[in-house]
Protein backbone atom coordinates (compact mmCIF):
# COMPACT_ATOMS: atom_id res chain seq x y z
CA MET A 1 0.25 -0.14 -0.13
CA SER A 2 1.20 3.67 -0.90
CA SER A 3 0.64 6.28 2.49
CA SER A 4 2.17 9.81 2.62
CA ARG A 5 5.70 10.03 4.04
CA THR A 6 4.33 13.10 6.52
CA HIS A 7 1.80 10.86 8.26
CA ALA A 8 4.25 7.89 8.13
CA PRO A 9 6.92 6.41 11.12
CA VAL A 10 10.10 7.11 10.28
CA ILE A 11 10.99 4.94 7.45
CA ARG A 12 14.26 2.79 6.96
CA VAL A 13 15.24 0.84 3.99
CA PRO A 14 17.90 -1.81 3.85
CA LEU A 15 21.36 -1.37 3.63
CA GLY A 16 23.79 -4.06 3.26
CA THR A 17 22.86 -6.10 6.65
CA GLY A 18 21.91 -3.03 8.02
CA GLN A 19 19.13 -0.19 7.68
CA VAL A 20 19.73 3.24 6.88
CA GLU A 21 16.46 6.14 7.73
CA VAL A 22 14.74 8.22 5.14
CA PRO A 23 15.65 11.73 5.83
CA PRO A 24 12.65 14.31 5.31
CA ILE A 25 13.81 16.64 2.61
CA ASP A 26 12.24 19.79 1.73
CA GLY A 27 10.98 19.98 -1.49
CA ILE A 28 10.25 16.14 -1.80
CA ALA A 29 6.87 14.19 -0.95
CA PHE A 30 7.07 11.09 -0.46
CA SER A 31 5.21 8.10 -0.30
CA LEU A 32 5.47 4.41 1.09
CA VAL A 33 5.17 1.70 -1.13
CA GLU A 34 4.85 -1.91 0.26
CA ALA A 35 4.17 -5.10 -0.91
CA ASN A 36 0.91 -6.90 0.37
CA ARG A 37 0.85 -8.97 3.42
CA LEU A 38 -0.31 -12.91 3.96
CA PRO A 39 -0.10 -14.55 6.76
CA ALA A 40 3.85 -16.32 7.48
CA LEU A 41 3.89 -20.21 7.85
CA ALA A 42 4.10 -20.79 11.83
CA ASP A 43 6.48 -23.74 11.25
CA PRO A 44 8.14 -23.85 7.81
CA ALA A 45 10.07 -26.84 8.70
CA GLN A 46 6.68 -28.60 9.07
CA ALA A 47 5.30 -27.13 5.84
CA ALA A 48 7.84 -28.43 3.80
CA CYS A 49 6.95 -32.15 5.53
CA ASP A 50 3.91 -31.83 4.64
CA ALA A 51 3.67 -29.84 1.45
CA ILE A 52 6.36 -33.18 -0.04
CA ALA A 53 3.90 -35.51 0.93
CA LEU A 54 1.26 -34.04 -1.05
CA PRO A 55 3.00 -32.86 -4.35
CA LEU A 56 1.67 -30.99 -7.27
CA GLY A 57 1.50 -32.49 -10.54
CA ALA A 58 3.89 -35.85 -9.78
CA PRO A 59 4.40 -39.01 -7.83
CA ALA A 60 5.48 -38.91 -4.39
CA LEU A 61 9.18 -38.30 -4.25
CA ARG A 62 10.32 -41.71 -2.87
CA GLU A 63 8.17 -43.43 -5.92
CA LEU A 64 9.87 -41.23 -8.58
CA ALA A 65 13.49 -42.86 -6.70
CA HIS A 66 12.53 -46.16 -6.66
CA GLY A 67 15.27 -48.28 -8.46
CA LYS A 68 17.09 -44.84 -9.40
CA ARG A 69 20.94 -45.48 -8.86
CA ASN A 70 21.97 -41.46 -8.04
CA ALA A 71 20.49 -38.36 -8.30
CA VAL A 72 21.29 -34.65 -8.31
CA ILE A 73 19.84 -32.15 -6.28
CA ALA A 74 20.68 -28.31 -7.95
CA VAL A 75 19.90 -25.54 -5.33
CA THR A 76 20.35 -22.10 -5.21
CA ASP A 77 23.67 -19.98 -5.01
CA ALA A 78 24.14 -17.22 -2.37
CA THR A 79 22.80 -14.61 -3.91
CA ARG A 80 19.15 -15.88 -4.00
CA ASP A 81 17.57 -15.71 -0.32
CA CYS A 82 16.20 -19.41 -0.76
CA PRO A 83 16.40 -21.57 1.96
CA ASP A 84 17.45 -24.81 1.21
CA HIS A 85 18.35 -25.70 4.43
CA ILE A 86 14.71 -25.84 5.26
CA MET A 87 13.15 -27.15 1.48
CA VAL A 88 16.34 -30.09 0.70
CA PRO A 89 15.96 -32.16 4.09
CA PRO A 90 12.49 -33.08 3.52
CA MET A 91 13.80 -34.33 -0.44
CA LEU A 92 17.15 -36.03 1.10
CA ALA A 93 14.68 -38.20 3.51
CA GLU A 94 12.04 -39.00 1.05
CA LEU A 95 15.50 -40.41 -1.27
CA SER A 96 16.82 -42.41 1.83
CA ALA A 97 13.39 -43.74 2.54
CA ALA A 98 13.45 -45.04 -1.75
CA GLY A 99 16.94 -46.91 -0.59
CA MET A 100 19.08 -44.36 -2.18
CA PRO A 101 22.05 -44.17 -0.42
CA ASP A 102 24.22 -40.88 0.87
CA GLU A 103 27.12 -41.33 -1.67
CA ALA A 104 24.70 -41.72 -4.53
CA ILE A 105 23.80 -37.87 -4.09
CA THR A 106 25.21 -35.28 -5.58
CA ILE A 107 24.01 -31.26 -4.23
CA LEU A 108 25.04 -29.26 -7.29
CA VAL A 109 24.69 -25.31 -6.52
CA ALA A 110 23.58 -23.36 -9.51
CA VAL A 111 25.89 -20.49 -9.86
CA GLY A 112 25.14 -19.84 -13.67
CA THR A 113 27.90 -17.87 -14.77
CA HIS A 114 28.32 -16.11 -11.25
CA ARG A 115 31.67 -16.75 -9.53
CA ALA A 116 31.73 -20.58 -7.29
CA SER A 117 30.26 -20.28 -3.92
CA THR A 118 32.17 -20.58 -1.00
CA GLU A 119 32.62 -23.31 2.02
CA ALA A 120 31.04 -20.91 4.17
CA GLU A 121 28.29 -20.13 1.72
CA LYS A 122 27.24 -23.67 1.01
CA ARG A 123 27.66 -23.79 5.01
CA ALA A 124 24.95 -20.71 5.91
CA LYS A 125 22.66 -22.32 2.49
CA LEU A 126 22.22 -26.01 3.20
CA GLY A 127 23.60 -26.39 7.29
CA ASP A 128 26.58 -28.37 8.61
CA ALA A 129 24.66 -31.51 8.39
CA ILE A 130 24.14 -31.61 5.03
CA VAL A 131 27.63 -30.43 4.01
CA ASP A 132 29.30 -32.82 6.11
CA ARG A 133 27.09 -35.78 4.91
CA TYR A 134 26.52 -35.41 1.41
CA ARG A 135 28.87 -34.16 -2.09
CA VAL A 136 28.13 -30.66 -2.31
CA ILE A 137 29.32 -29.03 -5.86
CA ASP A 138 29.53 -25.63 -7.60
CA HIS A 139 28.77 -25.42 -11.45
CA ASP A 140 31.35 -24.21 -13.95
CA ALA A 141 29.68 -22.71 -16.97
CA ALA A 142 33.20 -22.49 -18.26
CA ASP A 143 34.45 -25.62 -18.19
CA ASP A 144 33.18 -27.58 -21.38
CA ALA A 145 34.39 -30.97 -19.63
CA ARG A 146 31.38 -30.49 -16.94
CA LEU A 147 28.73 -29.99 -19.93
CA ALA A 148 26.61 -32.02 -21.97
CA THR A 149 23.87 -31.70 -24.67
CA ILE A 150 20.44 -31.77 -23.80
CA ALA A 151 18.21 -34.35 -25.85
CA LYS A 152 16.24 -32.38 -27.36
CA PRO A 153 16.96 -28.70 -29.40
CA VAL A 154 14.98 -25.53 -28.04
CA ASP A 155 13.78 -23.30 -30.97
CA GLY A 156 16.02 -25.03 -33.45
CA LEU A 157 19.01 -24.89 -30.57
CA THR A 158 21.38 -26.95 -29.39
CA PHE A 159 21.86 -26.43 -25.31
CA ARG A 160 24.29 -27.60 -23.02
CA LEU A 161 24.24 -28.05 -19.44
CA ASN A 162 25.66 -29.86 -16.37
CA LYS A 163 27.14 -33.46 -17.42
CA GLU A 164 26.23 -34.84 -13.80
CA ALA A 165 22.98 -32.73 -14.10
CA LEU A 166 21.93 -34.23 -17.38
CA GLU A 167 23.25 -37.73 -16.46
CA THR A 168 21.35 -38.42 -13.26
CA ASP A 169 19.22 -40.88 -12.70
CA LEU A 170 16.95 -38.07 -11.13
CA LEU A 171 17.32 -34.58 -11.30
CA LEU A 172 15.70 -32.61 -8.70
CA SER A 173 15.98 -28.60 -7.76
CA THR A 174 14.92 -26.09 -5.45
CA GLY A 175 14.02 -22.47 -5.72
CA ARG A 176 12.18 -19.19 -4.78
CA VAL A 177 9.15 -18.11 -7.09
CA GLU A 178 9.47 -14.09 -7.12
CA PRO A 179 9.18 -11.60 -9.52
CA HIS A 180 11.54 -11.51 -12.11
CA GLN A 181 12.99 -9.47 -14.90
CA TYR A 182 13.36 -11.84 -17.49
CA ALA A 183 11.03 -15.03 -16.36
CA GLY A 184 7.59 -13.35 -14.78
CA PHE A 185 8.44 -15.46 -12.25
CA SER A 186 11.31 -17.47 -10.74
CA GLY A 187 11.69 -20.91 -9.71
CA GLY A 188 9.97 -24.15 -11.29
CA GLY A 189 12.83 -25.38 -13.71
CA LYS A 190 15.04 -22.37 -14.09
CA THR A 191 17.74 -23.41 -11.52
CA VAL A 192 18.67 -26.12 -13.66
CA ALA A 193 17.56 -24.36 -17.38
CA ILE A 194 19.70 -21.10 -16.56
CA GLY A 195 21.61 -21.87 -13.22
CA CYS A 196 23.41 -25.36 -14.69
CA ALA A 197 23.55 -24.25 -17.93
CA SER A 198 26.56 -23.50 -20.08
CA GLU A 199 27.38 -20.10 -21.74
CA GLU A 200 25.31 -20.56 -25.08
CA VAL A 201 22.20 -21.26 -23.32
CA ILE A 202 22.28 -18.49 -21.63
CA VAL A 203 23.48 -16.08 -24.40
CA ALA A 204 20.19 -17.47 -26.05
CA THR A 205 17.88 -16.54 -23.22
CA HIS A 206 19.29 -13.07 -22.32
CA GLY A 207 20.01 -11.64 -25.87
CA PRO A 208 18.03 -8.21 -27.10
CA ALA A 209 16.49 -10.84 -29.58
CA MET A 210 14.78 -12.14 -26.54
CA LEU A 211 14.83 -9.38 -23.79
CA ASP A 212 12.63 -6.71 -26.53
CA ARG A 213 9.92 -9.83 -27.32
CA PRO A 214 6.59 -8.61 -25.95
CA GLY A 215 5.79 -10.83 -23.04
CA VAL A 216 9.58 -10.69 -21.37
CA ARG A 217 7.79 -8.39 -18.55
CA LEU A 218 8.16 -8.83 -14.80
CA ALA A 219 4.86 -10.70 -13.08
CA GLU A 220 4.21 -12.26 -16.63
CA LEU A 221 4.16 -16.14 -17.06
CA ALA A 222 1.96 -17.38 -18.90
CA ALA A 223 2.48 -15.37 -22.01
CA ASN A 224 6.38 -15.29 -21.64
CA PRO A 225 8.30 -15.96 -24.44
CA PHE A 226 11.46 -16.19 -21.92
CA GLN A 227 9.83 -18.19 -19.08
CA GLN A 228 8.89 -20.88 -22.51
CA ALA A 229 12.13 -21.40 -23.57
CA VAL A 230 13.37 -21.81 -19.88
CA ARG A 231 10.51 -24.54 -19.54
CA ALA A 232 11.35 -26.09 -22.40
CA VAL A 233 14.92 -27.09 -21.63
CA ALA A 234 14.28 -27.75 -18.09
CA ARG A 235 12.07 -30.92 -19.61
CA ALA A 236 14.48 -31.72 -22.16
CA ALA A 237 16.87 -31.95 -18.72
CA ASN A 238 14.18 -34.30 -17.07
CA VAL A 239 13.61 -31.97 -14.15
CA ALA A 240 11.62 -34.35 -12.39
CA PHE A 241 10.78 -32.84 -8.94
CA VAL A 242 11.11 -29.61 -7.24
CA ALA A 243 10.90 -27.44 -4.27
CA ASN A 244 9.94 -23.84 -4.58
CA CYS A 245 8.88 -21.08 -1.89
CA VAL A 246 7.28 -17.83 -1.79
CA LEU A 247 8.73 -15.61 0.90
CA ASP A 248 7.47 -11.96 2.01
CA ASP A 249 9.54 -8.70 1.90
CA GLU A 250 11.00 -10.10 5.65
CA GLY A 251 12.13 -13.20 4.33
CA ARG A 252 8.85 -15.16 6.12
CA MET A 253 7.72 -18.15 4.27
CA ILE A 254 4.42 -17.98 2.97
CA ALA A 255 3.79 -20.83 1.20
CA ILE A 256 5.85 -24.08 -0.13
CA ALA A 257 5.11 -26.61 -2.64
CA TYR A 258 7.09 -29.79 -4.21
CA GLY A 259 6.30 -32.00 -7.67
CA ALA A 260 6.19 -31.22 -11.03
CA PRO A 261 8.52 -27.86 -12.08
CA GLU A 262 5.80 -26.18 -13.95
CA ALA A 263 2.91 -26.93 -11.68
CA VAL A 264 4.83 -25.77 -8.88
CA GLN A 265 5.73 -22.75 -10.23
CA ASP A 266 2.06 -21.73 -11.69
CA HIS A 267 1.06 -22.72 -8.16
CA LEU A 268 2.95 -20.72 -6.10
CA ALA A 269 2.83 -17.27 -8.43
CA GLY A 270 -0.41 -16.96 -7.08
CA PRO A 271 0.78 -15.84 -3.27
CA ALA A 272 3.87 -14.29 -4.95
CA ARG A 273 1.73 -12.12 -7.71
CA THR A 274 -0.69 -11.00 -4.01
CA ILE A 275 2.58 -9.94 -2.01
CA ALA A 276 4.40 -8.51 -4.86
CA THR A 277 2.06 -6.41 -6.27
CA ALA A 278 1.55 -2.75 -4.46
CA PRO A 279 -0.58 0.36 -5.84
CA LEU A 280 1.16 3.47 -6.91
CA ALA A 281 -1.11 6.73 -7.91
CA HIS A 282 1.16 7.87 -10.41
CA GLN A 283 4.68 7.84 -11.55
CA VAL A 284 6.59 9.81 -9.75
CA ASP A 285 10.32 11.86 -10.15
CA ILE A 286 12.31 9.95 -7.38
CA ALA A 287 12.24 6.39 -6.33
CA ILE A 288 14.54 4.85 -3.43
CA ALA A 289 14.95 1.63 -4.68
CA GLY A 290 16.05 -0.82 -1.61
CA VAL A 291 17.73 -4.18 -1.71
CA GLY A 292 19.63 -5.39 1.27
CA ALA A 293 21.90 -8.37 1.68
CA PRO A 294 22.45 -11.05 -0.11
CA LYS A 295 21.51 -9.41 -3.22
CA ASP A 296 23.50 -6.05 -2.57
CA ALA A 297 26.81 -7.88 -2.41
CA ASN A 298 27.42 -6.47 -6.04
CA LEU A 299 26.26 -4.04 -8.25
CA TYR A 300 25.61 -6.57 -10.75
CA GLN A 301 22.65 -7.89 -8.28
CA ALA A 302 21.64 -4.86 -6.83
CA SER A 303 21.13 -3.33 -10.14
CA ARG A 304 18.55 -4.92 -10.26
CA ALA A 305 16.49 -3.01 -7.92
CA ALA A 306 16.33 -0.37 -10.36
CA THR A 307 15.72 -1.90 -13.28
CA TYR A 308 12.52 -3.82 -12.07
CA LEU A 309 11.10 -0.49 -11.39
CA GLN A 310 11.54 0.44 -14.52
CA TYR A 311 10.68 -3.04 -16.32
CA ALA A 312 6.69 -3.02 -14.38
CA PRO A 313 3.95 -2.93 -16.73
CA VAL A 314 4.60 1.16 -16.62
CA PRO A 315 7.90 2.36 -15.17
CA VAL A 316 7.75 3.91 -12.00
CA VAL A 317 10.05 6.83 -12.33
CA ARG A 318 9.23 9.17 -15.16
CA PRO A 319 11.79 10.10 -17.88
CA GLY A 320 14.25 12.56 -16.72
CA GLY A 321 13.71 11.24 -13.18
CA VAL A 322 16.18 9.82 -10.36
CA ILE A 323 16.35 6.29 -8.61
CA VAL A 324 18.07 6.32 -5.68
CA LEU A 325 19.99 3.01 -4.56
CA PRO A 326 21.34 1.80 -1.02
CA ALA A 327 24.02 -0.57 -1.63
CA THR A 328 27.09 -1.41 -0.04
CA CYS A 329 28.20 -3.69 -2.97
CA PRO A 330 31.62 -5.45 -0.83
CA GLU A 331 32.32 -6.93 -4.03
CA GLY A 332 32.27 -4.36 -6.08
CA ALA A 333 30.32 -4.75 -9.91
CA GLY A 334 30.82 -8.75 -8.86
CA GLU A 335 33.51 -11.24 -9.14
CA GLY A 336 31.74 -13.97 -11.69
CA GLU A 337 33.05 -13.80 -15.24
CA GLY A 338 29.55 -12.71 -15.94
CA GLU A 339 29.66 -10.02 -13.41
CA ARG A 340 33.32 -8.93 -14.78
CA ARG A 341 31.85 -8.73 -19.02
CA PHE A 342 28.62 -6.29 -17.14
CA ARG A 343 31.63 -4.01 -15.65
CA THR A 344 33.57 -4.53 -18.94
CA SER A 345 30.40 -3.35 -21.13
CA MET A 346 29.44 -0.40 -18.76
CA SER A 347 32.61 1.20 -18.36
CA THR A 348 33.53 2.07 -21.88
CA GLY A 349 32.48 5.68 -22.28
CA GLU A 350 29.74 5.21 -24.65
CA SER A 351 26.76 7.16 -23.30
CA PRO A 352 23.54 4.58 -22.25
CA ALA A 353 21.77 5.04 -25.54
CA GLU A 354 25.63 3.90 -27.21
CA ILE A 355 25.42 0.69 -24.98
CA VAL A 356 22.33 -0.24 -25.89
CA ARG A 357 23.10 0.36 -29.71
CA ARG A 358 26.58 -1.53 -29.35
CA ILE A 359 24.78 -4.82 -27.82
CA LYS A 360 21.90 -4.75 -30.33
CA ARG A 361 24.72 -5.16 -32.93
CA ASP A 362 27.56 -7.31 -31.39
CA GLY A 363 25.26 -9.71 -29.27
CA ILE A 364 26.24 -10.40 -25.84
CA ARG A 365 27.90 -12.65 -23.86
CA PRO A 366 27.08 -13.89 -20.61
CA GLY A 367 26.76 -11.00 -18.16
CA GLU A 368 26.27 -8.61 -21.03
CA GLN A 369 22.46 -8.78 -20.40
CA ARG A 370 22.34 -6.62 -17.75
CA ALA A 371 24.60 -4.10 -19.10
CA TYR A 372 22.01 -4.31 -22.01
CA ILE A 373 19.09 -3.60 -19.28
CA VAL A 374 20.80 -1.02 -17.13
CA ALA A 375 21.88 1.01 -19.99
CA ASN A 376 18.21 1.12 -21.41
CA VAL A 377 17.38 2.18 -17.64
CA LEU A 378 19.94 4.65 -17.54
CA ALA A 379 19.21 6.22 -21.01
CA SER A 380 15.96 6.84 -19.28
CA VAL A 381 16.93 8.28 -15.88
CA THR A 382 19.59 8.60 -13.48
CA VAL A 383 20.36 6.42 -11.03
CA ILE A 384 22.25 7.36 -7.34
CA VAL A 385 24.20 4.68 -5.66
CA VAL A 386 24.63 4.94 -2.16
CA GLY A 387 26.83 3.64 0.43
CA MET A 388 29.24 1.65 -2.21
CA GLU A 389 32.10 0.54 -0.77
CA GLN A 390 33.59 1.18 -4.44
CA PRO A 391 31.74 4.16 -5.38
CA GLU A 392 34.49 4.74 -8.21
CA ILE A 393 33.39 1.18 -9.82
CA ALA A 394 29.63 2.60 -10.07
CA ARG A 395 30.74 5.96 -11.41
CA GLU A 396 33.12 4.38 -14.69
CA MET A 397 30.13 2.04 -15.01
CA GLY A 398 27.86 5.05 -15.89
CA PHE A 399 26.32 5.77 -12.31
CA GLN A 400 26.02 8.17 -10.07
CA THR A 401 27.30 7.74 -6.18
CA SER A 402 26.78 9.57 -2.64
CA ASP A 403 28.09 8.42 0.68
CA SER A 404 24.42 9.06 2.26
CA LEU A 405 21.13 8.89 1.19
CA ALA A 406 20.55 12.50 2.94
CA SER A 407 22.98 13.81 0.02
CA ALA A 408 21.52 11.40 -2.98
CA LEU A 409 18.35 12.98 -2.51
CA GLU A 410 20.01 16.17 -2.42
CA MET A 411 21.40 15.13 -5.85
CA ALA A 412 18.41 13.97 -6.99
CA LEU A 413 15.89 16.63 -6.37
CA ALA A 414 18.80 18.98 -8.19
CA ILE A 415 18.16 17.21 -11.35
CA THR A 416 13.90 17.10 -10.89
CA GLY A 417 13.56 20.38 -9.36
CA LYS A 418 11.28 21.65 -6.45
CA PRO A 419 8.28 20.10 -5.81
CA SER A 420 9.17 16.51 -6.71
CA THR A 421 7.06 13.45 -5.78
CA ALA A 422 9.14 9.85 -4.57
CA ALA A 423 7.91 6.59 -3.88
CA ILE A 424 10.14 4.57 -1.30
CA VAL A 425 10.07 0.82 -2.13
CA PRO A 426 11.98 -0.65 0.51
CA HIS A 427 11.91 -3.83 -1.09
CA ALA A 428 12.15 -3.12 -4.49
CA LEU A 429 13.14 -6.78 -5.96
CA VAL A 430 9.67 -8.24 -4.51
CA THR A 431 7.49 -5.30 -4.56
CA LEU A 432 6.07 -4.25 -7.79
CA PRO A 433 4.56 -0.90 -7.84
CA ILE A 434 1.56 -0.77 -10.44
CA ILE A 435 0.82 2.78 -11.91
CA ARG A 436 -3.30 3.27 -11.71
CA GLU A 437 -3.05 6.32 -13.29
CA ASN A 438 -0.99 7.74 -15.64
CA ARG A 439 -2.74 10.06 -17.80
CA GLU A 440 -1.00 12.84 -16.50
CA THR A 441 2.21 12.04 -17.09
CA GLY A 442 1.94 11.14 -20.67
CA PHE A 443 3.65 8.08 -20.55
CA ASP A 444 2.96 6.02 -23.12
CA GLU A 445 1.90 2.56 -21.98
CA ALA A 446 2.32 0.32 -25.16
CA ALA A 447 6.29 1.72 -25.23
CA SER A 448 7.08 0.88 -21.68
CA GLY A 449 8.80 -2.35 -22.91
CA SER A 450 11.45 -0.33 -24.56
CA LEU A 451 11.82 2.75 -21.94
């Protein structure tokens, strides 16, 4: 819901693992935009055990595992706030009940083209008991020897995924269903189809030819070409069973389901959409886009908060406006190969419009799709990163920076002028503002896909 800043209590937005207060600024009228609320599950671990006993669109996992020699469980990486430590144990219990020994089970961290996960991150994700008992490894998209070709082409293209995932007798995965920049909603088979893919898969699904297609939008699932491609890859890879959940903006579990990838994703998209969408009366001059840990570990991930706001059905900030992005980014632009490409592509000295034209002309490598989306946004609005540990990196990439939220808002007001309207979105990655009225702005909704 939206509320006036002048009638609201002190408002704080995430910054790293802490929070920062939004100061009142003369000349800016603030509105708070928060996701809708649904009751949290009282006992998520018990809810997981209950849910796996009633799988959606699939037999019981122990039935699927009966007679199978081995299994791979693809899990999310450290950049995903996904409670794998809750979702994985019931899957392991089902595999054990089917007679599968511990040494026949591999847990595969789906890092995509991001950096490998650390031992500490694996333990934080899965818990010491699982890491000590089972084989836990990272996917490596750059190691051709660890990739294999899926059996069926998708859209006429041959894709390669993690070899152990493709060759296992039983392929499972975890994930979180939430609004996603390209897929509409994450979850389903995406952890395998993208997180365990070769660079070719990521290039084919993340290039301008895909991202510019109608339907590739936040919260769009049924008619989304990106989602359709992900599902086709997951089917070809024989992803048999998934665990997905929905979390609210405080990290509480709202819903959980196990079963067939598409059935689970479709089922959980309902509550995910309910808690994600929030009304906003009109476009604003300024938006504060909250992120917080772990998504603000680097600028590659944190920048999603800005692009999510502008790739909403109607962009939240009007052309010429400002997005203020509090993010510490201790890893700078990011340490994986994809993140390094993102930084390089954004640091050429070209204008945002020139970056967009270059990528359209030359195509992308994995990671550069983030440059394409971010450059599209920077061609329309200014983005000010607040509190970044290495602000020079952001500046070389075309962002502005500030060391405090107060100074960033003063910078924003100097750009937009007095009076200005501002939306505070404390959790911009899981809150999708829906503009109710846009006639006063002159914004063309039909053109919103291209910003």
